[in-house]
Protein backbone atom coordinates (compact mmCIF):
# COMPACT_ATOMS: atom_id res chain seq x y z
CA MET A 1 43.35 -16.10 3.17
CA GLN A 2 45.25 -13.15 4.61
CA LYS A 3 43.79 -9.70 4.45
CA THR A 4 45.91 -6.59 4.09
CA GLY A 5 44.20 -3.31 4.89
CA GLN A 6 40.56 -2.54 4.20
CA PRO A 7 39.21 -4.77 1.39
CA THR A 8 37.74 -3.01 -1.63
CA ILE A 9 35.26 -3.92 -4.30
CA ASN A 10 38.26 -4.45 -6.60
CA ASP A 11 39.57 -7.11 -4.22
CA VAL A 12 36.22 -8.88 -4.18
CA ALA A 13 35.97 -8.81 -7.97
CA ARG A 14 39.56 -10.08 -8.46
CA ILE A 15 39.28 -12.99 -6.02
CA ALA A 16 35.81 -13.99 -7.20
CA GLY A 17 36.88 -13.73 -10.84
CA VAL A 18 34.09 -11.36 -11.83
CA SER A 19 33.70 -7.71 -12.79
CA LYS A 20 33.03 -4.87 -10.34
CA LYS A 21 29.62 -4.52 -11.96
CA THR A 22 28.80 -8.11 -11.01
CA VAL A 23 29.87 -7.50 -7.40
CA SER A 24 27.68 -4.41 -7.31
CA ARG A 25 24.76 -6.42 -8.64
CA VAL A 26 25.23 -8.98 -5.88
CA ILE A 27 25.28 -6.23 -3.26
CA ASN A 28 22.08 -4.73 -4.68
CA ARG A 29 20.35 -8.12 -5.00
CA SER A 30 19.94 -7.79 -8.76
CA PRO A 31 17.94 -10.64 -10.34
CA LEU A 32 20.29 -10.58 -13.36
CA LEU A 33 22.65 -13.19 -11.87
CA ASN A 34 22.73 -16.95 -11.64
CA ASP A 35 22.86 -18.60 -8.21
CA ASP A 36 26.42 -19.92 -8.59
CA THR A 37 27.87 -16.51 -9.37
CA ARG A 38 25.89 -14.87 -6.56
CA LYS A 39 27.08 -17.46 -4.02
CA ARG A 40 30.72 -17.21 -5.13
CA VAL A 41 30.72 -13.43 -4.73
CA GLU A 42 28.88 -13.57 -1.40
CA ASP A 43 31.39 -16.11 -0.09
CA VAL A 44 34.29 -13.82 -1.01
CA ILE A 45 32.56 -10.81 0.56
CA GLY A 46 32.09 -12.79 3.77
CA GLU A 47 35.65 -14.11 3.80
CA LEU A 48 37.21 -10.71 3.21
CA GLY A 49 34.81 -8.88 5.51
CA TYR A 50 34.14 -6.39 2.74
CA ILE A 51 31.73 -3.59 3.68
CA PRO A 52 30.36 -1.50 0.79
CA ASN A 53 30.96 2.22 1.01
CA PRO A 54 27.66 3.88 0.14
CA GLN A 55 29.09 7.36 0.65
CA ALA A 56 31.68 6.84 -2.07
CA ARG A 57 29.15 5.40 -4.48
CA ALA A 58 26.69 8.18 -3.69
CA LEU A 59 29.33 10.77 -4.52
CA ALA A 60 30.11 9.07 -7.81
CA LEU A 61 26.44 8.75 -8.79
CA ARG A 62 25.43 12.16 -7.39
CA ARG A 63 22.66 10.35 -5.53
CA ASN A 64 22.30 9.12 -1.97
CA PHE A 65 21.29 5.51 -1.41
CA LEU A 66 18.01 6.66 0.05
CA ILE A 67 14.51 5.66 -1.00
CA GLY A 68 11.84 8.11 0.09
CA LEU A 69 8.29 7.43 1.19
CA VAL A 70 6.01 10.43 0.68
CA HIS A 71 2.50 10.37 2.08
CA ASP A 72 -0.49 12.33 3.32
CA ASN A 73 -2.58 9.49 4.73
CA PRO A 74 -4.70 9.64 7.90
CA ASN A 75 -4.45 5.88 8.54
CA ALA A 76 -1.28 5.13 10.50
CA GLN A 77 -1.62 1.38 9.98
CA THR A 78 -1.62 1.82 6.21
CA VAL A 79 1.59 3.85 6.37
CA LEU A 80 3.19 1.22 8.62
CA ASN A 81 2.23 -1.57 6.21
CA VAL A 82 3.84 0.32 3.33
CA GLN A 83 7.00 0.84 5.38
CA GLN A 84 7.09 -2.88 6.18
CA GLY A 85 6.93 -3.83 2.51
CA MET A 86 9.61 -1.32 1.55
CA LEU A 87 11.96 -2.45 4.32
CA GLU A 88 11.60 -6.06 3.22
CA ALA A 89 12.71 -5.05 -0.28
CA LEU A 90 15.63 -2.96 0.97
CA GLN A 91 16.93 -5.53 3.47
CA GLY A 92 20.45 -6.61 2.62
CA THR A 93 21.02 -3.76 0.16
CA GLU A 94 22.87 -0.48 0.53
CA PHE A 95 19.60 1.42 0.52
CA GLU A 96 17.83 3.00 3.47
CA MET A 97 14.37 4.51 3.75
CA VAL A 98 13.40 8.04 4.70
CA VAL A 99 9.78 9.02 5.37
CA ARG A 100 8.31 12.43 4.60
CA PRO A 101 4.69 13.39 5.34
CA LEU A 102 3.17 16.13 3.19
CA ASP A 103 0.06 18.27 3.39
CA ARG A 104 -1.59 17.82 0.01
CA GLY A 105 -3.90 20.74 0.74
CA SER A 106 -1.04 23.19 1.25
CA ALA A 107 -0.39 25.83 -1.38
CA THR A 108 3.34 25.09 -1.00
CA MET A 109 3.04 21.30 -1.30
CA LEU A 110 4.95 21.01 -4.57
CA ASP A 111 7.68 23.38 -3.39
CA ASP A 112 7.98 21.45 -0.13
CA LEU A 113 8.34 18.20 -2.05
CA ARG A 114 10.93 19.67 -4.43
CA HIS A 115 13.05 20.92 -1.51
CA PHE A 116 12.85 17.51 0.15
CA LEU A 117 13.86 15.58 -2.97
CA GLU A 118 16.70 17.94 -3.84
CA ARG A 119 18.00 18.24 -0.29
CA GLN A 120 18.05 14.48 0.29
CA ARG A 121 19.26 13.66 -3.25
CA LEU A 122 17.03 10.61 -3.20
CA PHE A 123 17.72 7.66 -5.46
CA GLY A 124 13.96 7.21 -5.80
CA VAL A 125 10.65 7.84 -4.09
CA LEU A 126 7.45 5.90 -3.47
CA LEU A 127 4.36 8.11 -3.59
CA MET A 128 1.45 6.91 -1.46
CA PRO A 129 -2.17 7.83 -2.16
CA PRO A 130 -3.64 10.37 -2.23
CA VAL A 131 -0.40 12.28 -3.01
CA SER A 132 0.34 9.72 -5.74
CA GLU A 133 -2.91 10.59 -7.51
CA ASN A 134 -1.65 14.12 -8.25
CA ASP A 135 -0.09 14.14 -11.73
CA SER A 136 1.84 17.30 -10.87
CA VAL A 137 3.77 15.38 -8.22
CA ALA A 138 4.83 12.74 -10.75
CA LYS A 139 5.85 15.44 -13.23
CA LEU A 140 7.94 17.15 -10.54
CA CYS A 141 9.84 13.93 -9.79
CA ASP A 142 10.44 13.40 -13.47
CA SER A 143 11.64 16.97 -14.02
CA ILE A 144 14.39 16.71 -11.39
CA GLY A 145 15.46 13.21 -12.41
CA CYS A 146 14.19 11.38 -9.34
CA ARG A 147 12.84 7.89 -9.93
CA TYR A 148 9.31 7.44 -8.68
CA VAL A 149 6.62 4.82 -8.31
CA ARG A 150 2.99 5.70 -7.60
CA MET A 151 0.76 3.53 -5.45
CA GLY A 152 -2.98 3.54 -6.03
CA SER A 153 -6.34 1.81 -6.12
CA ALA A 154 -6.49 1.99 -9.92
CA VAL A 155 -3.93 2.18 -12.73
CA ILE A 156 -2.98 5.83 -13.31
CA ASP A 157 0.48 5.51 -14.88
CA ASP A 158 2.60 3.11 -16.92
CA SER A 159 3.82 -0.11 -15.31
CA GLU A 160 7.30 1.28 -14.68
CA HIS A 161 5.88 3.95 -12.38
CA MET A 162 2.87 2.20 -10.87
CA VAL A 163 1.69 -0.41 -8.39
CA ALA A 164 -2.10 -0.68 -8.27
CA SER A 165 -4.86 -2.79 -6.76
CA ASN A 166 -8.30 -3.71 -8.12
CA ASP A 167 -10.38 -2.02 -5.44
CA ARG A 168 -13.51 -1.58 -7.53
CA GLU A 169 -13.74 -5.26 -8.50
CA ALA A 170 -12.87 -6.42 -4.99
CA VAL A 171 -15.59 -4.30 -3.36
CA ARG A 172 -18.13 -5.42 -5.93
CA THR A 173 -17.35 -9.03 -4.95
CA ALA A 174 -17.66 -8.19 -1.25
CA THR A 175 -21.02 -6.48 -1.76
CA GLU A 176 -22.28 -9.37 -3.89
CA TYR A 177 -21.48 -11.63 -0.95
CA LEU A 178 -23.81 -9.56 1.26
CA ILE A 179 -26.51 -9.74 -1.39
CA GLU A 180 -26.09 -13.52 -1.69
CA GLN A 181 -26.68 -13.74 2.05
CA GLY A 182 -30.07 -12.09 1.54
CA HIS A 183 -29.32 -8.47 2.44
CA ARG A 184 -31.21 -5.75 0.59
CA ARG A 185 -30.83 -2.74 2.90
CA ILE A 186 -27.09 -2.25 2.74
CA GLY A 187 -25.38 0.88 4.00
CA LEU A 188 -22.07 2.34 2.86
CA VAL A 189 -19.47 4.13 4.97
CA ALA A 190 -17.49 5.85 2.24
CA GLY A 191 -13.89 7.03 2.38
CA PRO A 192 -12.75 10.65 2.37
CA HIS A 193 -13.35 12.94 -0.59
CA GLY A 194 -10.28 13.39 -2.77
CA PHE A 195 -9.06 9.80 -2.33
CA ARG A 196 -9.12 7.63 -5.45
CA SER A 197 -9.47 4.60 -3.17
CA ALA A 198 -12.71 6.01 -1.74
CA ARG A 199 -14.05 6.58 -5.24
CA GLU A 200 -13.09 3.13 -6.54
CA ARG A 201 -14.57 1.35 -3.52
CA ARG A 202 -17.81 3.31 -3.73
CA LEU A 203 -18.10 2.52 -7.45
CA GLY A 204 -17.65 -1.20 -6.74
CA PHE A 205 -20.36 -1.04 -4.09
CA GLU A 206 -22.73 0.78 -6.44
CA ASP A 207 -21.96 -1.68 -9.27
CA ALA A 208 -23.06 -4.65 -7.18
CA LEU A 209 -26.28 -3.00 -5.99
CA ALA A 210 -27.19 -1.83 -9.49
CA ALA A 211 -26.63 -5.30 -10.95
CA ALA A 212 -28.95 -6.76 -8.30
CA GLY A 213 -31.60 -4.09 -8.83
CA ILE A 214 -31.19 -2.71 -5.30
CA ALA A 215 -31.78 0.99 -4.75
CA LEU A 216 -29.21 3.08 -2.92
CA PRO A 217 -30.91 6.04 -1.23
CA ARG A 218 -28.70 8.86 0.00
CA SER A 219 -29.73 8.02 3.55
CA MET A 220 -27.80 4.75 3.25
CA ILE A 221 -24.48 6.53 2.59
CA ALA A 222 -22.34 8.13 5.29
CA ASP A 223 -18.94 9.70 4.77
CA GLY A 224 -15.85 8.86 6.82
CA ASN A 225 -12.14 9.67 6.73
CA TYR A 226 -10.60 6.24 7.32
CA THR A 227 -10.41 6.65 11.13
CA PHE A 228 -12.15 4.79 13.96
CA GLU A 229 -13.87 7.96 15.14
CA SER A 230 -15.32 8.74 11.73
CA GLY A 231 -16.64 5.17 11.51
CA LEU A 232 -18.35 5.62 14.84
CA VAL A 233 -20.04 8.85 13.71
CA ALA A 234 -21.03 7.38 10.34
CA ALA A 235 -22.54 4.32 12.00
CA GLU A 236 -24.65 6.47 14.32
CA ARG A 237 -26.10 8.18 11.27
CA LEU A 238 -26.81 4.97 9.36
CA LEU A 239 -28.30 3.16 12.37
CA ASP A 240 -30.73 6.05 12.91
CA VAL A 241 -32.29 5.37 9.49
CA MET A 242 -35.67 3.62 9.68
CA PRO A 243 -35.79 0.89 8.69
CA ARG A 244 -32.11 0.56 9.50
CA PRO A 245 -29.67 -1.32 7.28
CA THR A 246 -29.16 -5.03 7.90
CA ALA A 247 -25.60 -4.80 6.58
CA ILE A 248 -22.91 -2.13 6.13
CA PHE A 249 -19.87 -2.07 3.89
CA SER A 250 -17.07 0.03 5.37
CA SER A 251 -14.36 1.41 3.11
CA ASN A 252 -11.67 0.38 5.58
CA ASP A 253 -11.21 -1.70 8.73
CA GLU A 254 -10.62 1.21 11.09
CA MET A 255 -14.04 2.61 10.31
CA ALA A 256 -15.54 -0.89 10.48
CA ALA A 257 -14.25 -1.15 14.06
CA GLY A 258 -16.08 2.11 14.83
CA ILE A 259 -19.26 0.65 13.32
CA ILE A 260 -18.97 -2.44 15.53
CA HIS A 261 -18.58 -0.22 18.59
CA ALA A 262 -21.61 1.90 17.69
CA ALA A 263 -23.74 -1.19 17.04
CA ARG A 264 -22.79 -2.71 20.38
CA GLN A 265 -23.69 0.49 22.18
CA ARG A 266 -27.19 0.07 20.78
CA GLY A 267 -27.40 -3.54 21.92
CA LEU A 268 -27.23 -4.93 18.38
CA ASP A 269 -25.79 -8.37 17.82
CA ILE A 270 -23.22 -8.85 15.06
CA PRO A 271 -23.91 -10.50 12.66
CA ARG A 272 -27.49 -11.46 13.60
CA ASP A 273 -28.75 -7.86 13.67
CA LEU A 274 -26.07 -6.24 11.53
CA SER A 275 -23.53 -7.72 9.13
CA ILE A 276 -20.33 -5.75 8.49
CA ILE A 277 -17.57 -5.96 5.88
CA GLY A 278 -14.39 -3.87 5.96
CA PHE A 279 -11.43 -3.30 3.66
CA ASP A 280 -7.65 -3.73 4.22
CA ASP A 281 -7.38 -6.83 6.45
CA THR A 282 -5.25 -4.99 8.98
CA PRO A 283 -4.58 -6.73 12.33
CA ILE A 284 -7.65 -5.05 13.82
CA ALA A 285 -9.87 -7.15 11.50
CA ALA A 286 -8.88 -10.41 13.18
CA HIS A 287 -8.76 -8.93 16.69
CA VAL A 288 -12.25 -7.42 16.95
CA TRP A 289 -15.18 -9.60 17.96
CA PRO A 290 -16.62 -11.13 15.98
CA PRO A 291 -13.64 -11.32 13.60
CA LEU A 292 -14.28 -9.03 10.67
CA THR A 293 -15.07 -10.16 7.15
CA THR A 294 -12.94 -7.88 5.00
CA VAL A 295 -11.16 -7.37 1.70
CA ARG A 296 -7.47 -8.18 1.98
CA TRP A 297 -5.54 -5.32 0.40
CA PRO A 298 -2.01 -6.52 -0.50
CA ILE A 299 -0.46 -3.19 0.36
CA ALA A 300 2.79 -4.56 1.82
CA SER A 301 3.35 -6.60 -1.34
CA MET A 302 2.61 -3.52 -3.43
CA ALA A 303 5.15 -1.49 -1.46
CA ARG A 304 7.76 -4.26 -1.75
CA SER A 305 7.33 -4.36 -5.51
CA ALA A 306 7.49 -0.56 -5.74
CA ALA A 307 10.76 -0.45 -3.79
CA LEU A 308 12.26 -3.18 -5.99
CA LYS A 309 11.25 -1.22 -9.09
CA LEU A 310 13.05 1.81 -7.68
CA ILE A 311 16.35 0.12 -6.80
CA ALA A 312 16.59 -2.17 -9.84
CA GLY A 313 19.53 -1.25 -12.05
CA ALA A 314 21.18 0.73 -9.26
CA ASP A 315 24.53 -0.80 -10.13
CA ASP A 316 24.65 0.07 -13.80
CA GLY A 317 21.64 2.21 -14.65
CA SER A 318 19.94 -0.62 -16.51
CA ASP A 319 16.19 -0.77 -17.05
CA LEU A 320 13.84 -1.33 -14.13
CA VAL A 321 13.10 -4.94 -13.28
CA GLU A 322 9.76 -6.40 -14.33
CA GLU A 323 8.09 -6.37 -10.94
CA PRO A 324 4.29 -6.80 -10.86
CA SER A 325 2.24 -3.65 -11.26
CA LEU A 326 -1.27 -4.97 -10.55
CA PHE A 327 -2.17 -6.71 -7.28
CA LEU A 328 -5.50 -8.41 -6.66
CA SER A 329 -7.44 -7.86 -3.45
CA THR A 330 -9.41 -10.83 -2.10
CA LEU A 331 -12.43 -11.28 0.15
CA ILE A 332 -11.62 -12.84 3.54
CA ARG A 333 -14.76 -14.38 5.06
CA ARG A 334 -14.95 -14.32 8.82
CA ALA A 335 -17.76 -14.19 11.39
CA SER A 336 -19.16 -10.68 10.92
CA VAL A 337 -21.54 -11.64 8.09
CA SER A 338 -24.64 -13.84 8.14
CA PRO A 339 -28.10 -13.77 6.57
CA PRO A 340 -30.34 -11.06 8.07
CA ALA A 341 -32.49 -12.11 11.04
CA ASP A 342 -35.55 -11.75 8.80
CA ALA A 343 -34.46 -12.81 5.33
CA ASP A 344 -37.64 -11.33 3.84
CA THR A 345 -36.90 -7.80 5.02
């Protein structure tokens, strides 16, 4: 087939025998197509060498084909995992991702966010916790007509604007596993104040201990901020308690790695002298020794679903696709947990 000049979307639609809207849906990977139609359009696109013009479409829609990621999160691995999930969703579409860190403690945070959204003319934005937990941020996005999806450790919005995990239930299950192994002196390294994830995970921990009739003295709780260094400091505090805990639940893997380091410095064997469970199942969990028992947080899948919610209907303004809104975290059992050396302690 001969080509004359630069092929257009009209050429693709005419040769494929479909409407421009259908071609646009193929380009944006809309699920509202059957496989035969999708393949026919893709074959014509490949044969013609058609390249979509996002600038022209952006001008027509008064929106750039940009999906924003807004965060104020101290854990770099968490941010990277979210980016990975979003990029998987955007692959093969006209959309690109732009990342914007914010300072949620700044008095100008909302103004900074407004300027970012308006300057970039974003098609939509994914809000990571803890920024996502601020209702004022969601209201701002809504007021300027920017699509948004909030990510969190509990449901805080309707399904159209939310991807959430079941942190409280997952941590309760993890703590019950420690109790089943015979542990009664169990310490907690909590997450940072102001994070809903820290609250949900602490509540799950407390639920399991309360159901088993196990007391939780304040001395068995140490605060962290989701970093290795804070886990190290928290572990030093907990391991100074007499009698010391035989197990510790850490609210994320980074802090759990700090706990392992602190325990080793004291000559403690893991898991014989100290069992440890983390949360996230980041690569560090499988790479430390012994491999870390942890709760697998499906954060990349959550981010993928959020991005798909945002770009659905990009071709014709139709309703958002029914992507999942609730994702279940699961306990991954590895070698960092065993019964205490003295099961009667």
